[in-house]
Amino acid sequence: MIDKKYTKVLFAFFMGLFMSFLMSFIITIINLGFVDDFIIKWMTAWYKAFLFAFPIILIIAPLVHNIVNSITTKKDKI
């Protein structure tokens, strides 16, 4: 197993992997439709998107976490 200290990096990796995969698919379909070389164009877009998504998530996730924590409150137990 992977050490717990790598949780944030693994989160960013998998979040970037899945989000870039899905978003590149959606945007490629919107822009091109199902063309003959759709898979090649989609995979090209995916790897390029992932190269940006992974480091962006590493930087942005802590900021988003802080924003969410500042606008939410813990509900008292009854």
PDB file of N, CA and C in Angstrom:
ATOM      1  N   MET A   1       0.829  -1.198   0.000  1.00  0.00           N
ATOM      2  CA  MET A   1       0.000   0.000   0.000  1.00  0.00           C
ATOM      3  C   MET A   1       0.869   1.255   0.000  1.00  0.00           C
ATOM      4  N   ILE A   2       0.246   2.339  -0.356  1.00  0.00           N
ATOM      5  CA  ILE A   2       0.929   3.636  -0.413  1.00  0.00           C
ATOM      6  C   ILE A   2       0.761   4.344   0.927  1.00  0.00           C
ATOM      7  N   ASP A   3       1.831   4.965   1.380  1.00  0.00           N
ATOM      8  CA  ASP A   3       1.833   5.670   2.671  1.00  0.00           C
ATOM      9  C   ASP A   3       0.793   6.798   2.678  1.00  0.00           C
ATOM     10  N   LYS A   4       0.154   6.982   3.822  1.00  0.00           N
ATOM     11  CA  LYS A   4      -0.897   7.982   4.005  1.00  0.00           C
ATOM     12  C   LYS A   4      -0.406   9.403   3.725  1.00  0.00           C
ATOM     13  N   LYS A   5       0.888   9.653   3.869  1.00  0.00           N
ATOM     14  CA  LYS A   5       1.407  11.007   3.664  1.00  0.00           C
ATOM     15  C   LYS A   5       1.264  11.477   2.209  1.00  0.00           C
ATOM     16  N   TYR A   6       0.998  10.569   1.299  1.00  0.00           N
ATOM     17  CA  TYR A   6       0.831  10.915  -0.110  1.00  0.00           C
ATOM     18  C   TYR A   6      -0.637  11.125  -0.504  1.00  0.00           C
ATOM     19  N   THR A   7      -1.527  11.216   0.470  1.00  0.00           N
ATOM     20  CA  THR A   7      -2.961  11.341   0.213  1.00  0.00           C
ATOM     21  C   THR A   7      -3.283  12.521  -0.697  1.00  0.00           C
ATOM     22  N   LYS A   8      -2.734  13.688  -0.411  1.00  0.00           N
ATOM     23  CA  LYS A   8      -3.064  14.885  -1.202  1.00  0.00           C
ATOM     24  C   LYS A   8      -2.567  14.759  -2.643  1.00  0.00           C
ATOM     25  N   VAL A   9      -1.401  14.199  -2.815  1.00  0.00           N
ATOM     26  CA  VAL A   9      -0.863  14.022  -4.170  1.00  0.00           C
ATOM     27  C   VAL A   9      -1.688  12.992  -4.935  1.00  0.00           C
ATOM     28  N   LEU A  10      -2.054  11.906  -4.275  1.00  0.00           N
ATOM     29  CA  LEU A  10      -2.881  10.879  -4.924  1.00  0.00           C
ATOM     30  C   LEU A  10      -4.267  11.415  -5.269  1.00  0.00           C
ATOM     31  N   PHE A  11      -4.828  12.212  -4.361  1.00  0.00           N
ATOM     32  CA  PHE A  11      -6.121  12.834  -4.632  1.00  0.00           C
ATOM     33  C   PHE A  11      -6.019  13.691  -5.894  1.00  0.00           C
ATOM     34  N   ALA A  12      -5.003  14.554  -5.966  1.00  0.00           N
ATOM     35  CA  ALA A  12      -4.827  15.429  -7.125  1.00  0.00           C
ATOM     36  C   ALA A  12      -4.610  14.613  -8.395  1.00  0.00           C
ATOM     37  N   PHE A  13      -3.831  13.536  -8.295  1.00  0.00           N
ATOM     38  CA  PHE A  13      -3.566  12.695  -9.456  1.00  0.00           C
ATOM     39  C   PHE A  13      -4.860  12.088  -9.999  1.00  0.00           C
ATOM     40  N   PHE A  14      -5.617  11.432  -9.125  1.00  0.00           N
ATOM     41  CA  PHE A  14      -6.832  10.758  -9.594  1.00  0.00           C
ATOM     42  C   PHE A  14      -7.937  11.739  -9.968  1.00  0.00           C
ATOM     43  N   MET A  15      -8.060  12.843  -9.248  1.00  0.00           N
ATOM     44  CA  MET A  15      -9.050  13.846  -9.617  1.00  0.00           C
ATOM     45  C   MET A  15      -8.710  14.428 -10.983  1.00  0.00           C
ATOM     46  N   GLY A  16      -7.451  14.739 -11.204  1.00  0.00           N
ATOM     47  CA  GLY A  16      -7.020  15.255 -12.501  1.00  0.00           C
ATOM     48  C   GLY A  16      -7.208  14.238 -13.606  1.00  0.00           C
ATOM     49  N   LEU A  17      -6.896  12.977 -13.303  1.00  0.00           N
ATOM     50  CA  LEU A  17      -7.033  11.907 -14.282  1.00  0.00           C
ATOM     51  C   LEU A  17      -8.477  11.758 -14.735  1.00  0.00           C
ATOM     52  N   PHE A  18      -9.394  11.628 -13.778  1.00  0.00           N
ATOM     53  CA  PHE A  18     -10.796  11.392 -14.122  1.00  0.00           C
ATOM     54  C   PHE A  18     -11.472  12.630 -14.707  1.00  0.00           C
ATOM     55  N   MET A  19     -11.218  13.794 -14.118  1.00  0.00           N
ATOM     56  CA  MET A  19     -11.868  15.005 -14.627  1.00  0.00           C
ATOM     57  C   MET A  19     -11.363  15.349 -16.037  1.00  0.00           C
ATOM     58  N   SER A  20     -10.068  15.249 -16.262  1.00  0.00           N
ATOM     59  CA  SER A  20      -9.555  15.559 -17.599  1.00  0.00           C
ATOM     60  C   SER A  20     -10.052  14.541 -18.621  1.00  0.00           C
ATOM     61  N   PHE A  21     -10.179  13.273 -18.207  1.00  0.00           N
ATOM     62  CA  PHE A  21     -10.701  12.225 -19.089  1.00  0.00           C
ATOM     63  C   PHE A  21     -12.128  12.551 -19.529  1.00  0.00           C
ATOM     64  N   LEU A  22     -12.980  12.845 -18.559  1.00  0.00           N
ATOM     65  CA  LEU A  22     -14.390  13.112 -18.861  1.00  0.00           C
ATOM     66  C   LEU A  22     -14.582  14.440 -19.584  1.00  0.00           C
ATOM     67  N   MET A  23     -13.916  15.480 -19.113  1.00  0.00           N
ATOM     68  CA  MET A  23     -14.099  16.791 -19.732  1.00  0.00           C
ATOM     69  C   MET A  23     -13.538  16.831 -21.152  1.00  0.00           C
ATOM     70  N   SER A  24     -12.400  16.197 -21.384  1.00  0.00           N
ATOM     71  CA  SER A  24     -11.859  16.184 -22.738  1.00  0.00           C
ATOM     72  C   SER A  24     -12.779  15.410 -23.681  1.00  0.00           C
ATOM     73  N   PHE A  25     -13.406  14.345 -23.183  1.00  0.00           N
ATOM     74  CA  PHE A  25     -14.382  13.598 -23.986  1.00  0.00           C
ATOM     75  C   PHE A  25     -15.552  14.499 -24.370  1.00  0.00           C
ATOM     76  N   ILE A  26     -16.108  15.184 -23.373  1.00  0.00           N
ATOM     77  CA  ILE A  26     -17.271  16.043 -23.609  1.00  0.00           C
ATOM     78  C   ILE A  26     -16.935  17.177 -24.573  1.00  0.00           C
ATOM     79  N   ILE A  27     -15.822  17.850 -24.348  1.00  0.00           N
ATOM     80  CA  ILE A  27     -15.448  18.980 -25.207  1.00  0.00           C
ATOM     81  C   ILE A  27     -15.103  18.514 -26.617  1.00  0.00           C
ATOM     82  N   THR A  28     -14.460  17.363 -26.741  1.00  0.00           N
ATOM     83  CA  THR A  28     -14.134  16.840 -28.072  1.00  0.00           C
ATOM     84  C   THR A  28     -15.404  16.504 -28.839  1.00  0.00           C
ATOM     85  N   ILE A  29     -16.380  15.916 -28.172  1.00  0.00           N
ATOM     86  CA  ILE A  29     -17.673  15.609 -28.826  1.00  0.00           C
ATOM     87  C   ILE A  29     -18.382  16.896 -29.239  1.00  0.00           C
ATOM     88  N   ILE A  30     -18.391  17.874 -28.345  1.00  0.00           N
ATOM     89  CA  ILE A  30     -19.062  19.142 -28.662  1.00  0.00           C
ATOM     90  C   ILE A  30     -18.404  19.807 -29.872  1.00  0.00           C
ATOM     91  N   ASN A  31     -17.077  19.825 -29.875  1.00  0.00           N
ATOM     92  CA  ASN A  31     -16.358  20.536 -30.947  1.00  0.00           C
ATOM     93  C   ASN A  31     -16.306  19.775 -32.264  1.00  0.00           C
ATOM     94  N   LEU A  32     -16.181  18.451 -32.223  1.00  0.00           N
ATOM     95  CA  LEU A  32     -15.956  17.682 -33.445  1.00  0.00           C
ATOM     96  C   LEU A  32     -17.066  16.710 -33.798  1.00  0.00           C
ATOM     97  N   GLY A  33     -17.827  16.261 -32.796  1.00  0.00           N
ATOM     98  CA  GLY A  33     -18.756  15.163 -33.028  1.00  0.00           C
ATOM     99  C   GLY A  33     -17.967  13.867 -33.127  1.00  0.00           C
ATOM    100  N   PHE A  34     -18.622  12.786 -33.518  1.00  0.00           N
ATOM    101  CA  PHE A  34     -17.935  11.500 -33.669  1.00  0.00           C
ATOM    102  C   PHE A  34     -17.315  11.408 -35.065  1.00  0.00           C
ATOM    103  N   VAL A  35     -16.123  11.968 -35.215  1.00  0.00           N
ATOM    104  CA  VAL A  35     -15.404  11.910 -36.492  1.00  0.00           C
ATOM    105  C   VAL A  35     -14.623  10.595 -36.564  1.00  0.00           C
ATOM    106  N   ASP A  36     -14.067  10.308 -37.748  1.00  0.00           N
ATOM    107  CA  ASP A  36     -13.366   9.038 -37.961  1.00  0.00           C
ATOM    108  C   ASP A  36     -12.239   8.794 -36.962  1.00  0.00           C
ATOM    109  N   ASP A  37     -11.438   9.803 -36.678  1.00  0.00           N
ATOM    110  CA  ASP A  37     -10.303   9.620 -35.763  1.00  0.00           C
ATOM    111  C   ASP A  37     -10.597  10.224 -34.382  1.00  0.00           C
ATOM    112  N   PHE A  38     -11.851  10.079 -33.954  1.00  0.00           N
ATOM    113  CA  PHE A  38     -12.294  10.658 -32.684  1.00  0.00           C
ATOM    114  C   PHE A  38     -11.431  10.208 -31.511  1.00  0.00           C
ATOM    115  N   ILE A  39     -11.170   8.922 -31.399  1.00  0.00           N
ATOM    116  CA  ILE A  39     -10.413   8.392 -30.258  1.00  0.00           C
ATOM    117  C   ILE A  39      -9.019   9.006 -30.200  1.00  0.00           C
ATOM    118  N   ILE A  40      -8.356   9.123 -31.318  1.00  0.00           N
ATOM    119  CA  ILE A  40      -7.008   9.717 -31.351  1.00  0.00           C
ATOM    120  C   ILE A  40      -7.058  11.180 -30.923  1.00  0.00           C
ATOM    121  N   LYS A  41      -8.019  11.919 -31.446  1.00  0.00           N
ATOM    122  CA  LYS A  41      -8.157  13.331 -31.082  1.00  0.00           C
ATOM    123  C   LYS A  41      -8.503  13.481 -29.607  1.00  0.00           C
ATOM    124  N   TRP A  42      -9.380  12.612 -29.091  1.00  0.00           N
ATOM    125  CA  TRP A  42      -9.770  12.663 -27.690  1.00  0.00           C
ATOM    126  C   TRP A  42      -8.584  12.325 -26.782  1.00  0.00           C
ATOM    127  N   MET A  43      -7.849  11.275 -27.103  1.00  0.00           N
ATOM    128  CA  MET A  43      -6.707  10.885 -26.268  1.00  0.00           C
ATOM    129  C   MET A  43      -5.610  11.960 -26.277  1.00  0.00           C
ATOM    130  N   THR A  44      -5.437  12.618 -27.417  1.00  0.00           N
ATOM    131  CA  THR A  44      -4.477  13.723 -27.499  1.00  0.00           C
ATOM    132  C   THR A  44      -4.917  14.869 -26.585  1.00  0.00           C
ATOM    133  N   ALA A  45      -6.203  15.199 -26.650  1.00  0.00           N
ATOM    134  CA  ALA A  45      -6.741  16.255 -25.784  1.00  0.00           C
ATOM    135  C   ALA A  45      -6.642  15.844 -24.315  1.00  0.00           C
ATOM    136  N   TRP A  46      -6.885  14.568 -24.030  1.00  0.00           N
ATOM    137  CA  TRP A  46      -6.869  14.090 -22.649  1.00  0.00           C
ATOM    138  C   TRP A  46      -5.491  14.214 -22.021  1.00  0.00           C
ATOM    139  N   TYR A  47      -4.464  13.730 -22.704  1.00  0.00           N
ATOM    140  CA  TYR A  47      -3.146  13.784 -22.070  1.00  0.00           C
ATOM    141  C   TYR A  47      -2.681  15.227 -21.896  1.00  0.00           C
ATOM    142  N   LYS A  48      -3.028  16.099 -22.832  1.00  0.00           N
ATOM    143  CA  LYS A  48      -2.666  17.511 -22.684  1.00  0.00           C
ATOM    144  C   LYS A  48      -3.418  18.141 -21.513  1.00  0.00           C
ATOM    145  N   ALA A  49      -4.704  17.818 -21.390  1.00  0.00           N
ATOM    146  CA  ALA A  49      -5.496  18.350 -20.282  1.00  0.00           C
ATOM    147  C   ALA A  49      -4.978  17.843 -18.939  1.00  0.00           C
ATOM    148  N   PHE A  50      -4.598  16.578 -18.887  1.00  0.00           N
ATOM    149  CA  PHE A  50      -4.104  16.015 -17.635  1.00  0.00           C
ATOM    150  C   PHE A  50      -2.794  16.662 -17.201  1.00  0.00           C
ATOM    151  N   LEU A  51      -1.935  16.984 -18.163  1.00  0.00           N
ATOM    152  CA  LEU A  51      -0.664  17.643 -17.835  1.00  0.00           C
ATOM    153  C   LEU A  51      -0.885  18.968 -17.100  1.00  0.00           C
ATOM    154  N   PHE A  52      -1.989  19.633 -17.389  1.00  0.00           N
ATOM    155  CA  PHE A  52      -2.328  20.870 -16.685  1.00  0.00           C
ATOM    156  C   PHE A  52      -3.162  20.601 -15.436  1.00  0.00           C
ATOM    157  N   ALA A  53      -4.092  19.657 -15.516  1.00  0.00           N
ATOM    158  CA  ALA A  53      -5.023  19.411 -14.416  1.00  0.00           C
ATOM    159  C   ALA A  53      -4.319  18.972 -13.135  1.00  0.00           C
ATOM    160  N   PHE A  54      -3.369  18.076 -13.233  1.00  0.00           N
ATOM    161  CA  PHE A  54      -2.710  17.537 -12.050  1.00  0.00           C
ATOM    162  C   PHE A  54      -2.023  18.627 -11.219  1.00  0.00           C
ATOM    163  N   PRO A  55      -1.139  19.425 -11.797  1.00  0.00           N
ATOM    164  CA  PRO A  55      -0.511  20.464 -10.964  1.00  0.00           C
ATOM    165  C   PRO A  55      -1.488  21.551 -10.513  1.00  0.00           C
ATOM    166  N   ILE A  56      -2.483  21.865 -11.344  1.00  0.00           N
ATOM    167  CA  ILE A  56      -3.465  22.874 -10.943  1.00  0.00           C
ATOM    168  C   ILE A  56      -4.233  22.400  -9.715  1.00  0.00           C
ATOM    169  N   ILE A  57      -4.652  21.137  -9.699  1.00  0.00           N
ATOM    170  CA  ILE A  57      -5.375  20.606  -8.547  1.00  0.00           C
ATOM    171  C   ILE A  57      -4.486  20.603  -7.309  1.00  0.00           C
ATOM    172  N   LEU A  58      -3.212  20.259  -7.462  1.00  0.00           N
ATOM    173  CA  LEU A  58      -2.296  20.295  -6.319  1.00  0.00           C
ATOM    174  C   LEU A  58      -2.254  21.684  -5.685  1.00  0.00           C
ATOM    175  N   ILE A  59      -2.315  22.712  -6.513  1.00  0.00           N
ATOM    176  CA  ILE A  59      -2.240  24.088  -6.019  1.00  0.00           C
ATOM    177  C   ILE A  59      -3.592  24.592  -5.522  1.00  0.00           C
ATOM    178  N   ILE A  60      -4.654  24.310  -6.263  1.00  0.00           N
ATOM    179  CA  ILE A  60      -5.974  24.880  -5.992  1.00  0.00           C
ATOM    180  C   ILE A  60      -6.749  24.141  -4.890  1.00  0.00           C
ATOM    181  N   ALA A  61      -6.570  22.836  -4.762  1.00  0.00           N
ATOM    182  CA  ALA A  61      -7.361  22.059  -3.795  1.00  0.00           C
ATOM    183  C   ALA A  61      -7.260  22.601  -2.367  1.00  0.00           C
ATOM    184  N   PRO A  62      -6.068  22.927  -1.857  1.00  0.00           N
ATOM    185  CA  PRO A  62      -6.018  23.479  -0.497  1.00  0.00           C
ATOM    186  C   PRO A  62      -6.760  24.808  -0.371  1.00  0.00           C
ATOM    187  N   LEU A  63      -6.693  25.644  -1.408  1.00  0.00           N
ATOM    188  CA  LEU A  63      -7.418  26.909  -1.395  1.00  0.00           C
ATOM    189  C   LEU A  63      -8.926  26.668  -1.343  1.00  0.00           C
ATOM    190  N   VAL A  64      -9.409  25.762  -2.175  1.00  0.00           N
ATOM    191  CA  VAL A  64     -10.840  25.437  -2.199  1.00  0.00           C
ATOM    192  C   VAL A  64     -11.269  24.842  -0.861  1.00  0.00           C
ATOM    193  N   HIS A  65     -10.438  23.986  -0.305  1.00  0.00           N
ATOM    194  CA  HIS A  65     -10.732  23.393   1.013  1.00  0.00           C
ATOM    195  C   HIS A  65     -10.884  24.491   2.066  1.00  0.00           C
ATOM    196  N   ASN A  66     -10.000  25.473   2.062  1.00  0.00           N
ATOM    197  CA  ASN A  66     -10.084  26.585   3.017  1.00  0.00           C
ATOM    198  C   ASN A  66     -11.330  27.423   2.804  1.00  0.00           C
ATOM    199  N   ILE A  67     -11.687  27.685   1.550  1.00  0.00           N
ATOM    200  CA  ILE A  67     -12.895  28.454   1.251  1.00  0.00           C
ATOM    201  C   ILE A  67     -14.130  27.723   1.768  1.00  0.00           C
ATOM    202  N   VAL A  68     -14.208  26.426   1.485  1.00  0.00           N
ATOM    203  CA  VAL A  68     -15.364  25.634   1.932  1.00  0.00           C
ATOM    204  C   VAL A  68     -15.436  25.615   3.459  1.00  0.00           C
ATOM    205  N   ASN A  69     -14.301  25.430   4.110  1.00  0.00           N
ATOM    206  CA  ASN A  69     -14.292  25.434   5.577  1.00  0.00           C
ATOM    207  C   ASN A  69     -14.705  26.779   6.150  1.00  0.00           C
ATOM    208  N   SER A  70     -14.388  27.869   5.458  1.00  0.00           N
ATOM    209  CA  SER A  70     -14.734  29.195   5.983  1.00  0.00           C
ATOM    210  C   SER A  70     -16.205  29.537   5.781  1.00  0.00           C
ATOM    211  N   ILE A  71     -16.877  28.904   4.838  1.00  0.00           N
ATOM    212  CA  ILE A  71     -18.295  29.241   4.602  1.00  0.00           C
ATOM    213  C   ILE A  71     -19.264  28.185   5.134  1.00  0.00           C
ATOM    214  N   THR A  72     -18.733  27.149   5.747  1.00  0.00           N
ATOM    215  CA  THR A  72     -19.607  26.123   6.323  1.00  0.00           C
ATOM    216  C   THR A  72     -19.431  26.106   7.832  1.00  0.00           C
ATOM    217  N   THR A  73     -20.473  25.625   8.503  1.00  0.00           N
ATOM    218  CA  THR A  73     -20.407  25.503   9.956  1.00  0.00           C
ATOM    219  C   THR A  73     -20.729  24.085  10.361  1.00  0.00           C
ATOM    220  N   LYS A  74     -20.231  23.723  11.514  1.00  0.00           N
ATOM    221  CA  LYS A  74     -20.514  22.398  12.053  1.00  0.00           C
ATOM    222  C   LYS A  74     -21.874  22.456  12.740  1.00  0.00           C
ATOM    223  N   LYS A  75     -22.734  21.524  12.394  1.00  0.00           N
ATOM    224  CA  LYS A  75     -24.073  21.474  12.962  1.00  0.00           C
ATOM    225  C   LYS A  75     -24.006  20.830  14.345  1.00  0.00           C
ATOM    226  N   ASP A  76     -24.649  21.467  15.309  1.00  0.00           N
ATOM    227  CA  ASP A  76     -24.691  20.922  16.665  1.00  0.00           C
ATOM    228  C   ASP A  76     -25.547  19.663  16.691  1.00  0.00           C
ATOM    229  N   LYS A  77     -25.069  18.689  17.442  1.00  0.00           N
ATOM    230  CA  LYS A  77     -25.849  17.462  17.619  1.00  0.00           C
ATOM    231  C   LYS A  77     -26.969  17.724  18.609  1.00  0.00           C
ATOM    232  N   ILE A  78     -28.128  17.155  18.308  1.00  0.00           N
ATOM    233  CA  ILE A  78     -29.280  17.349  19.202  1.00  0.00           C
ATOM    234  C   ILE A  78     -29.452  16.139  20.074  1.00  0.00           C
TER     235      ILE A  78
END
